[in-house]
Amino acid sequence: MSEHSLLRVRGLSLRYPDGKTAVRGVSLDLDARELVCVLGSNGSGKSSLLRCVARLRDATAGRIHVAGEEMTRLRGRALRRARSRLAMIGQSANLVRRRSVLANVITGTLARHGDLATAPGALPATEFRLARACLDQVGLGAIAEQRASTLSGGQAQRVAIARALAQRPRLLLADEPVASLDPEAAVEVMRLLRRLADDGLGVVCVLHQPQLAARYADRVIGLRDGAVAFSSAAAELRDSEVNALYGSRAA
């Protein structure tokens, strides 16, 4: 890691108005072509950390740099420009079920087009080509015209990833992207995230499955009570570290 890392987080803390501290002095680095998984039990601060990085919630303290730009104090147009370098997916794909797969993916381009945001049909043809390329990238190009309501859970999540890719991000934040999927679909999504990292993205992925983190991540960070309990190479992840987060049954 270096000062030129794609993502640099330093001393990040988040305290809610009710006095609860969700994130406590977290620091982390992420390079392009790297997949980092964040583990921790419910309430450990994993999702709060990602929301702070994405500036969906303002941190109480600390600094966040994405692609060399500090995002912590940005507002308005400057924040929107900086935020365009990252995309976020969650546990739910949040697709518009009555619309086609392609129509869902094309919404990932709307932030670039201001007044056209309510009229996807008026978007430049280049954006439709990009959306189709993103679907090809996640292995779903053949079902571009299919209704989103017909998709399996794993397919829907891959469409959500394609929509995120249509934003042309450098950093992808994935908040429990496989939590609602069956084991086979979960593996498929994790393989995809691994490939996207290998192709040049930086990926931060919150997981509840230590075995998937060990298999697909470059590094694993464990959060406990909002603070970093450990940060280690995935190949060196120890059962004792996982047990401290989840208990022996999770190892």
C-alpha atoms as a PDB file:
ATOM      1  CA  MET A   1       0.000   0.000   0.000  1.00  0.00           C
ATOM      2  CA  SER A   2       1.079   3.598  -0.590  1.00  0.00           C
ATOM      3  CA  GLU A   3      -0.180   7.138  -0.447  1.00  0.00           C
ATOM      4  CA  HIS A   4      -1.355   6.537  -4.023  1.00  0.00           C
ATOM      5  CA  SER A   5      -3.791   3.785  -3.074  1.00  0.00           C
ATOM      6  CA  LEU A   6      -7.159   3.902  -4.819  1.00  0.00           C
ATOM      7  CA  LEU A   7      -8.915   4.070  -1.438  1.00  0.00           C
ATOM      8  CA  ARG A   8      -7.351   5.457   1.731  1.00  0.00           C
ATOM      9  CA  VAL A   9      -9.342   5.650   4.953  1.00  0.00           C
ATOM     10  CA  ARG A  10      -7.730   7.164   8.025  1.00  0.00           C
ATOM     11  CA  GLY A  11      -9.141   7.272  11.547  1.00  0.00           C
ATOM     12  CA  LEU A  12     -12.753   6.987  10.405  1.00  0.00           C
ATOM     13  CA  SER A  13     -15.361   7.155  13.166  1.00  0.00           C
ATOM     14  CA  LEU A  14     -19.136   7.420  13.133  1.00  0.00           C
ATOM     15  CA  ARG A  15     -21.203   8.334  16.152  1.00  0.00           C
ATOM     16  CA  TYR A  16     -24.976   8.493  15.868  1.00  0.00           C
ATOM     17  CA  PRO A  17     -27.045  11.266  17.489  1.00  0.00           C
ATOM     18  CA  ASP A  18     -28.244   8.781  20.124  1.00  0.00           C
ATOM     19  CA  GLY A  19     -24.649   8.395  21.286  1.00  0.00           C
ATOM     20  CA  LYS A  20     -24.000   4.968  19.759  1.00  0.00           C
ATOM     21  CA  THR A  21     -20.589   4.657  18.093  1.00  0.00           C
ATOM     22  CA  ALA A  22     -20.837   2.465  14.982  1.00  0.00           C
ATOM     23  CA  VAL A  23     -17.290   2.914  13.614  1.00  0.00           C
ATOM     24  CA  ARG A  24     -14.221   3.525  15.764  1.00  0.00           C
ATOM     25  CA  GLY A  25     -11.013   4.872  14.260  1.00  0.00           C
ATOM     26  CA  VAL A  26     -10.936   2.588  11.204  1.00  0.00           C
ATOM     27  CA  SER A  27      -8.054   2.895   8.750  1.00  0.00           C
ATOM     28  CA  LEU A  28      -7.673   0.864   5.577  1.00  0.00           C
ATOM     29  CA  ASP A  29      -6.103   0.974   2.121  1.00  0.00           C
ATOM     30  CA  LEU A  30      -7.182  -0.574  -1.147  1.00  0.00           C
ATOM     31  CA  ASP A  31      -5.357  -0.681  -4.447  1.00  0.00           C
ATOM     32  CA  ALA A  32      -6.811  -1.169  -7.900  1.00  0.00           C
ATOM     33  CA  ARG A  33      -6.995  -4.880  -8.783  1.00  0.00           C
ATOM     34  CA  GLU A  34      -7.525  -5.739  -5.131  1.00  0.00           C
ATOM     35  CA  LEU A  35     -10.509  -7.379  -3.435  1.00  0.00           C
ATOM     36  CA  VAL A  36     -10.758  -6.775   0.298  1.00  0.00           C
ATOM     37  CA  CYS A  37     -13.454  -8.525   2.326  1.00  0.00           C
ATOM     38  CA  VAL A  38     -14.754  -7.105   5.603  1.00  0.00           C
ATOM     39  CA  LEU A  39     -16.030  -9.624   8.152  1.00  0.00           C
ATOM     40  CA  GLY A  40     -17.872  -9.066  11.401  1.00  0.00           C
ATOM     41  CA  SER A  41     -20.991 -10.009  13.303  1.00  0.00           C
ATOM     42  CA  ASN A  42     -24.247  -8.072  13.066  1.00  0.00           C
ATOM     43  CA  GLY A  43     -23.792  -4.593  14.472  1.00  0.00           C
ATOM     44  CA  SER A  44     -20.009  -4.610  14.122  1.00  0.00           C
ATOM     45  CA  GLY A  45     -20.018  -1.542  11.853  1.00  0.00           C
ATOM     46  CA  LYS A  46     -19.426  -3.157   8.465  1.00  0.00           C
ATOM     47  CA  SER A  47     -22.290  -1.533   6.586  1.00  0.00           C
ATOM     48  CA  SER A  48     -21.822   1.779   8.401  1.00  0.00           C
ATOM     49  CA  LEU A  49     -18.197   1.797   7.237  1.00  0.00           C
ATOM     50  CA  LEU A  50     -19.202   1.356   3.583  1.00  0.00           C
ATOM     51  CA  ARG A  51     -21.892   4.018   3.839  1.00  0.00           C
ATOM     52  CA  CYS A  52     -19.345   6.468   5.204  1.00  0.00           C
ATOM     53  CA  VAL A  53     -16.890   5.653   2.408  1.00  0.00           C
ATOM     54  CA  ALA A  54     -19.648   6.250  -0.155  1.00  0.00           C
ATOM     55  CA  ARG A  55     -20.590   9.494   1.647  1.00  0.00           C
ATOM     56  CA  LEU A  56     -24.145   8.228   2.119  1.00  0.00           C
ATOM     57  CA  ARG A  57     -23.548   9.111   5.749  1.00  0.00           C
ATOM     58  CA  ASP A  58     -21.148  11.736   7.077  1.00  0.00           C
ATOM     59  CA  ALA A  59     -18.429  10.390   9.354  1.00  0.00           C
ATOM     60  CA  THR A  60     -17.913  12.011  12.738  1.00  0.00           C
ATOM     61  CA  ALA A  61     -14.128  11.978  12.326  1.00  0.00           C
ATOM     62  CA  GLY A  62     -11.468  10.785   9.922  1.00  0.00           C
ATOM     63  CA  ARG A  63     -10.577  11.175   6.260  1.00  0.00           C
ATOM     64  CA  ILE A  64     -11.496   9.329   3.079  1.00  0.00           C
ATOM     65  CA  HIS A  65      -9.489   9.596  -0.139  1.00  0.00           C
ATOM     66  CA  VAL A  66     -10.724   8.007  -3.378  1.00  0.00           C
ATOM     67  CA  ALA A  67      -8.364   8.133  -6.354  1.00  0.00           C
ATOM     68  CA  GLY A  68      -6.269  10.717  -4.535  1.00  0.00           C
ATOM     69  CA  GLU A  69      -9.110  13.133  -3.744  1.00  0.00           C
ATOM     70  CA  GLU A  70     -10.295  13.719  -0.200  1.00  0.00           C
ATOM     71  CA  MET A  71     -14.056  13.197  -0.095  1.00  0.00           C
ATOM     72  CA  THR A  72     -14.742  13.926   3.548  1.00  0.00           C
ATOM     73  CA  ARG A  73     -15.602  17.618   3.250  1.00  0.00           C
ATOM     74  CA  LEU A  74     -16.950  17.752  -0.301  1.00  0.00           C
ATOM     75  CA  ARG A  75     -20.463  19.004  -0.944  1.00  0.00           C
ATOM     76  CA  GLY A  76     -22.768  19.536  -3.907  1.00  0.00           C
ATOM     77  CA  ARG A  77     -21.363  19.215  -7.405  1.00  0.00           C
ATOM     78  CA  ALA A  78     -17.841  18.448  -6.170  1.00  0.00           C
ATOM     79  CA  LEU A  79     -19.159  15.533  -4.115  1.00  0.00           C
ATOM     80  CA  ARG A  80     -21.214  14.201  -7.019  1.00  0.00           C
ATOM     81  CA  ARG A  81     -18.159  14.331  -9.267  1.00  0.00           C
ATOM     82  CA  ALA A  82     -15.973  12.547  -6.718  1.00  0.00           C
ATOM     83  CA  ARG A  83     -18.665   9.995  -5.944  1.00  0.00           C
ATOM     84  CA  SER A  84     -18.835   9.061  -9.639  1.00  0.00           C
ATOM     85  CA  ARG A  85     -15.570   7.197  -9.111  1.00  0.00           C
ATOM     86  CA  LEU A  86     -17.335   4.627  -6.953  1.00  0.00           C
ATOM     87  CA  ALA A  87     -20.432   2.459  -7.185  1.00  0.00           C
ATOM     88  CA  MET A  88     -22.274   0.510  -4.517  1.00  0.00           C
ATOM     89  CA  ILE A  89     -24.375  -2.643  -4.549  1.00  0.00           C
ATOM     90  CA  GLY A  90     -26.295  -4.134  -1.646  1.00  0.00           C
ATOM     91  CA  GLN A  91     -27.944  -7.302  -0.451  1.00  0.00           C
ATOM     92  CA  SER A  92     -30.974  -6.616  -2.649  1.00  0.00           C
ATOM     93  CA  ALA A  93     -30.572  -6.001  -6.379  1.00  0.00           C
ATOM     94  CA  ASN A  94     -33.356  -3.367  -6.292  1.00  0.00           C
ATOM     95  CA  LEU A  95     -34.309  -3.847  -9.923  1.00  0.00           C
ATOM     96  CA  VAL A  96     -37.464  -2.445 -11.516  1.00  0.00           C
ATOM     97  CA  ARG A  97     -39.133  -5.794 -12.082  1.00  0.00           C
ATOM     98  CA  ARG A  98     -41.477  -4.732 -14.898  1.00  0.00           C
ATOM     99  CA  ARG A  99     -38.642  -3.338 -16.991  1.00  0.00           C
ATOM    100  CA  SER A 100     -36.105  -5.174 -19.097  1.00  0.00           C
ATOM    101  CA  VAL A 101     -32.684  -6.172 -17.882  1.00  0.00           C
ATOM    102  CA  LEU A 102     -31.107  -3.645 -20.276  1.00  0.00           C
ATOM    103  CA  ALA A 103     -33.404  -0.850 -19.066  1.00  0.00           C
ATOM    104  CA  ASN A 104     -32.313  -1.536 -15.497  1.00  0.00           C
ATOM    105  CA  VAL A 105     -28.631  -1.462 -16.414  1.00  0.00           C
ATOM    106  CA  ILE A 106     -28.924   1.757 -18.423  1.00  0.00           C
ATOM    107  CA  THR A 107     -30.010   3.602 -15.264  1.00  0.00           C
ATOM    108  CA  GLY A 108     -26.404   3.322 -14.128  1.00  0.00           C
ATOM    109  CA  THR A 109     -25.502   5.926 -16.763  1.00  0.00           C
ATOM    110  CA  LEU A 110     -28.114   8.539 -15.856  1.00  0.00           C
ATOM    111  CA  ALA A 111     -25.974  10.584 -13.460  1.00  0.00           C
ATOM    112  CA  ARG A 112     -23.841  11.656 -16.420  1.00  0.00           C
ATOM    113  CA  HIS A 113     -26.762  13.217 -18.264  1.00  0.00           C
ATOM    114  CA  GLY A 114     -28.542  15.645 -15.951  1.00  0.00           C
ATOM    115  CA  ASP A 115     -31.796  16.670 -17.605  1.00  0.00           C
ATOM    116  CA  LEU A 116     -32.069  13.360 -19.444  1.00  0.00           C
ATOM    117  CA  ALA A 117     -32.248  11.439 -16.164  1.00  0.00           C
ATOM    118  CA  THR A 118     -36.022  11.062 -16.463  1.00  0.00           C
ATOM    119  CA  ALA A 119     -35.916  10.058 -20.124  1.00  0.00           C
ATOM    120  CA  PRO A 120     -33.665   6.990 -20.609  1.00  0.00           C
ATOM    121  CA  GLY A 121     -34.858   6.685 -24.226  1.00  0.00           C
ATOM    122  CA  ALA A 122     -33.161  10.005 -24.984  1.00  0.00           C
ATOM    123  CA  LEU A 123     -29.742   8.807 -23.851  1.00  0.00           C
ATOM    124  CA  PRO A 124     -26.913   8.629 -26.391  1.00  0.00           C
ATOM    125  CA  ALA A 125     -26.503   5.353 -28.270  1.00  0.00           C
ATOM    126  CA  THR A 126     -23.046   5.035 -26.735  1.00  0.00           C
ATOM    127  CA  GLU A 127     -24.636   4.530 -23.317  1.00  0.00           C
ATOM    128  CA  PHE A 128     -26.797   1.691 -24.609  1.00  0.00           C
ATOM    129  CA  ARG A 129     -23.712   0.073 -26.099  1.00  0.00           C
ATOM    130  CA  LEU A 130     -21.970   0.496 -22.754  1.00  0.00           C
ATOM    131  CA  ALA A 131     -24.918  -1.091 -20.909  1.00  0.00           C
ATOM    132  CA  ARG A 132     -24.859  -4.084 -23.240  1.00  0.00           C
ATOM    133  CA  ALA A 133     -21.099  -4.404 -22.761  1.00  0.00           C
ATOM    134  CA  CYS A 134     -21.600  -4.370 -18.984  1.00  0.00           C
ATOM    135  CA  LEU A 135     -24.148  -7.169 -19.309  1.00  0.00           C
ATOM    136  CA  ASP A 136     -21.667  -9.135 -21.393  1.00  0.00           C
ATOM    137  CA  GLN A 137     -19.091  -8.522 -18.677  1.00  0.00           C
ATOM    138  CA  VAL A 138     -21.296 -10.221 -16.070  1.00  0.00           C
ATOM    139  CA  GLY A 139     -22.272 -13.041 -18.433  1.00  0.00           C
ATOM    140  CA  LEU A 140     -25.872 -11.946 -19.080  1.00  0.00           C
ATOM    141  CA  GLY A 141     -25.731 -10.328 -22.508  1.00  0.00           C
ATOM    142  CA  ALA A 142     -28.103 -12.930 -23.944  1.00  0.00           C
ATOM    143  CA  ILE A 143     -30.996 -11.875 -21.684  1.00  0.00           C
ATOM    144  CA  ALA A 144     -30.796  -8.091 -22.188  1.00  0.00           C
ATOM    145  CA  GLU A 145     -34.429  -7.857 -23.344  1.00  0.00           C
ATOM    146  CA  GLN A 146     -35.815 -10.192 -20.681  1.00  0.00           C
ATOM    147  CA  ARG A 147     -37.993  -8.750 -17.915  1.00  0.00           C
ATOM    148  CA  ALA A 148     -36.228  -8.368 -14.603  1.00  0.00           C
ATOM    149  CA  SER A 149     -39.139 -10.141 -12.890  1.00  0.00           C
ATOM    150  CA  THR A 150     -38.085 -13.413 -14.556  1.00  0.00           C
ATOM    151  CA  LEU A 151     -34.564 -13.493 -13.093  1.00  0.00           C
ATOM    152  CA  SER A 152     -33.199 -15.766 -10.411  1.00  0.00           C
ATOM    153  CA  GLY A 153     -31.653 -14.180  -7.328  1.00  0.00           C
ATOM    154  CA  GLY A 154     -28.133 -14.717  -8.643  1.00  0.00           C
ATOM    155  CA  GLN A 155     -28.978 -13.285 -12.055  1.00  0.00           C
ATOM    156  CA  ALA A 156     -30.623 -10.245 -10.472  1.00  0.00           C
ATOM    157  CA  GLN A 157     -27.521  -9.548  -8.399  1.00  0.00           C
ATOM    158  CA  ARG A 158     -25.308  -9.803 -11.476  1.00  0.00           C
ATOM    159  CA  VAL A 159     -27.595  -7.314 -13.246  1.00  0.00           C
ATOM    160  CA  ALA A 160     -27.153  -4.999 -10.259  1.00  0.00           C
ATOM    161  CA  ILE A 161     -23.390  -5.354 -10.689  1.00  0.00           C
ATOM    162  CA  ALA A 162     -23.723  -4.568 -14.409  1.00  0.00           C
ATOM    163  CA  ARG A 163     -25.728  -1.451 -13.495  1.00  0.00           C
ATOM    164  CA  ALA A 164     -22.924  -0.429 -11.128  1.00  0.00           C
ATOM    165  CA  LEU A 165     -20.333  -1.010 -13.859  1.00  0.00           C
ATOM    166  CA  ALA A 166     -22.333   1.255 -16.178  1.00  0.00           C
ATOM    167  CA  GLN A 167     -21.396   4.110 -13.832  1.00  0.00           C
ATOM    168  CA  ARG A 168     -17.782   3.492 -14.965  1.00  0.00           C
ATOM    169  CA  PRO A 169     -16.453   3.383 -11.387  1.00  0.00           C
ATOM    170  CA  ARG A 170     -12.931   2.727 -10.231  1.00  0.00           C
ATOM    171  CA  LEU A 171     -14.082   1.473  -6.825  1.00  0.00           C
ATOM    172  CA  LEU A 172     -16.935  -0.970  -6.154  1.00  0.00           C
ATOM    173  CA  LEU A 173     -18.459  -1.248  -2.676  1.00  0.00           C
ATOM    174  CA  ALA A 174     -20.463  -4.438  -2.123  1.00  0.00           C
ATOM    175  CA  ASP A 175     -22.537  -4.631   1.071  1.00  0.00           C
ATOM    176  CA  GLU A 176     -23.389  -8.284   1.755  1.00  0.00           C
ATOM    177  CA  PRO A 177     -24.000  -8.996  -1.950  1.00  0.00           C
ATOM    178  CA  VAL A 178     -24.494 -12.751  -1.442  1.00  0.00           C
ATOM    179  CA  ALA A 179     -26.479 -12.738   1.814  1.00  0.00           C
ATOM    180  CA  SER A 180     -29.777 -13.606   0.082  1.00  0.00           C
ATOM    181  CA  LEU A 181     -28.364 -16.099  -2.418  1.00  0.00           C
ATOM    182  CA  ASP A 182     -28.086 -19.860  -2.394  1.00  0.00           C
ATOM    183  CA  PRO A 183     -24.535 -21.262  -2.124  1.00  0.00           C
ATOM    184  CA  GLU A 184     -24.111 -21.829  -5.868  1.00  0.00           C
ATOM    185  CA  ALA A 185     -25.256 -18.326  -6.788  1.00  0.00           C
ATOM    186  CA  ALA A 186     -23.109 -16.859  -3.990  1.00  0.00           C
ATOM    187  CA  VAL A 187     -20.010 -18.513  -5.442  1.00  0.00           C
ATOM    188  CA  GLU A 188     -20.935 -17.212  -8.900  1.00  0.00           C
ATOM    189  CA  VAL A 189     -21.174 -13.632  -7.633  1.00  0.00           C
ATOM    190  CA  MET A 190     -17.918 -13.879  -5.684  1.00  0.00           C
ATOM    191  CA  ARG A 191     -16.138 -15.257  -8.753  1.00  0.00           C
ATOM    192  CA  LEU A 192     -17.443 -12.274 -10.689  1.00  0.00           C
ATOM    193  CA  LEU A 193     -16.208  -9.789  -8.077  1.00  0.00           C
ATOM    194  CA  ARG A 194     -12.823 -11.511  -8.114  1.00  0.00           C
ATOM    195  CA  ARG A 195     -12.648 -11.231 -11.898  1.00  0.00           C
ATOM    196  CA  LEU A 196     -13.653  -7.562 -11.837  1.00  0.00           C
ATOM    197  CA  ALA A 197     -10.857  -6.874  -9.377  1.00  0.00           C
ATOM    198  CA  ASP A 198      -8.393  -8.762 -11.553  1.00  0.00           C
ATOM    199  CA  ASP A 199      -9.547  -6.634 -14.500  1.00  0.00           C
ATOM    200  CA  GLY A 200      -8.701  -3.398 -12.683  1.00  0.00           C
ATOM    201  CA  LEU A 201     -11.395  -2.427 -10.188  1.00  0.00           C
ATOM    202  CA  GLY A 202     -10.829  -2.000  -6.501  1.00  0.00           C
ATOM    203  CA  VAL A 203     -13.500  -3.949  -4.592  1.00  0.00           C
ATOM    204  CA  VAL A 204     -14.493  -3.754  -0.922  1.00  0.00           C
ATOM    205  CA  CYS A 205     -16.953  -6.514  -0.047  1.00  0.00           C
ATOM    206  CA  VAL A 206     -18.789  -6.948   3.258  1.00  0.00           C
ATOM    207  CA  LEU A 207     -19.460 -10.626   3.970  1.00  0.00           C
ATOM    208  CA  HIS A 208     -20.802 -12.916   6.655  1.00  0.00           C
ATOM    209  CA  GLN A 209     -19.145 -15.984   5.097  1.00  0.00           C
ATOM    210  CA  PRO A 210     -15.491 -16.333   6.181  1.00  0.00           C
ATOM    211  CA  GLN A 211     -14.949 -19.250   3.812  1.00  0.00           C
ATOM    212  CA  LEU A 212     -15.841 -17.082   0.795  1.00  0.00           C
ATOM    213  CA  ALA A 213     -13.574 -14.303   2.023  1.00  0.00           C
ATOM    214  CA  ALA A 214     -10.679 -16.728   2.413  1.00  0.00           C
ATOM    215  CA  ARG A 215     -11.281 -18.157  -1.055  1.00  0.00           C
ATOM    216  CA  TYR A 216     -11.726 -14.993  -3.120  1.00  0.00           C
ATOM    217  CA  ALA A 217     -10.216 -12.013  -1.288  1.00  0.00           C
ATOM    218  CA  ASP A 218      -6.683 -10.689  -1.339  1.00  0.00           C
ATOM    219  CA  ARG A 219      -7.039  -9.376   2.211  1.00  0.00           C
ATOM    220  CA  VAL A 220      -9.555  -9.783   5.001  1.00  0.00           C
ATOM    221  CA  ILE A 221     -10.414  -7.182   7.618  1.00  0.00           C
ATOM    222  CA  GLY A 222     -12.297  -8.147  10.766  1.00  0.00           C
ATOM    223  CA  LEU A 223     -14.448  -5.577  12.561  1.00  0.00           C
ATOM    224  CA  ARG A 224     -15.529  -5.937  16.171  1.00  0.00           C
ATOM    225  CA  ASP A 225     -17.527  -3.227  17.961  1.00  0.00           C
ATOM    226  CA  GLY A 226     -16.765  -0.850  15.116  1.00  0.00           C
ATOM    227  CA  ALA A 227     -12.973  -1.193  15.307  1.00  0.00           C
ATOM    228  CA  VAL A 228     -10.479  -3.195  13.254  1.00  0.00           C
ATOM    229  CA  ALA A 229      -9.784  -6.439  15.113  1.00  0.00           C
ATOM    230  CA  PHE A 230      -7.396  -7.760  12.457  1.00  0.00           C
ATOM    231  CA  SER A 231      -6.237  -7.174   8.898  1.00  0.00           C
ATOM    232  CA  SER A 232      -4.446 -10.015   7.183  1.00  0.00           C
ATOM    233  CA  ALA A 233      -3.797 -11.642   3.837  1.00  0.00           C
ATOM    234  CA  ALA A 234      -6.640 -14.015   3.005  1.00  0.00           C
ATOM    235  CA  ALA A 235      -4.218 -16.926   2.723  1.00  0.00           C
ATOM    236  CA  GLU A 236      -3.102 -16.257   6.299  1.00  0.00           C
ATOM    237  CA  LEU A 237      -6.580 -15.918   7.839  1.00  0.00           C
ATOM    238  CA  ARG A 238      -6.644 -17.931  11.069  1.00  0.00           C
ATOM    239  CA  ASP A 239      -9.575 -19.755  12.614  1.00  0.00           C
ATOM    240  CA  SER A 240      -8.817 -18.070  15.912  1.00  0.00           C
ATOM    241  CA  GLU A 241      -9.309 -14.626  14.319  1.00  0.00           C
ATOM    242  CA  VAL A 242     -12.651 -15.666  12.841  1.00  0.00           C
ATOM    243  CA  ASN A 243     -13.743 -17.294  16.098  1.00  0.00           C
ATOM    244  CA  ALA A 244     -13.149 -14.030  17.924  1.00  0.00           C
ATOM    245  CA  LEU A 245     -15.621 -12.320  15.583  1.00  0.00           C
ATOM    246  CA  TYR A 246     -18.325 -14.965  15.281  1.00  0.00           C
ATOM    247  CA  GLY A 247     -17.670 -17.818  17.690  1.00  0.00           C
ATOM    248  CA  SER A 248     -16.337 -21.277  16.876  1.00  0.00           C
ATOM    249  CA  ARG A 249     -19.311 -22.297  14.713  1.00  0.00           C
ATOM    250  CA  ALA A 250     -18.353 -19.767  12.008  1.00  0.00           C
ATOM    251  CA  ALA A 251     -14.845 -21.084  11.387  1.00  0.00           C
END
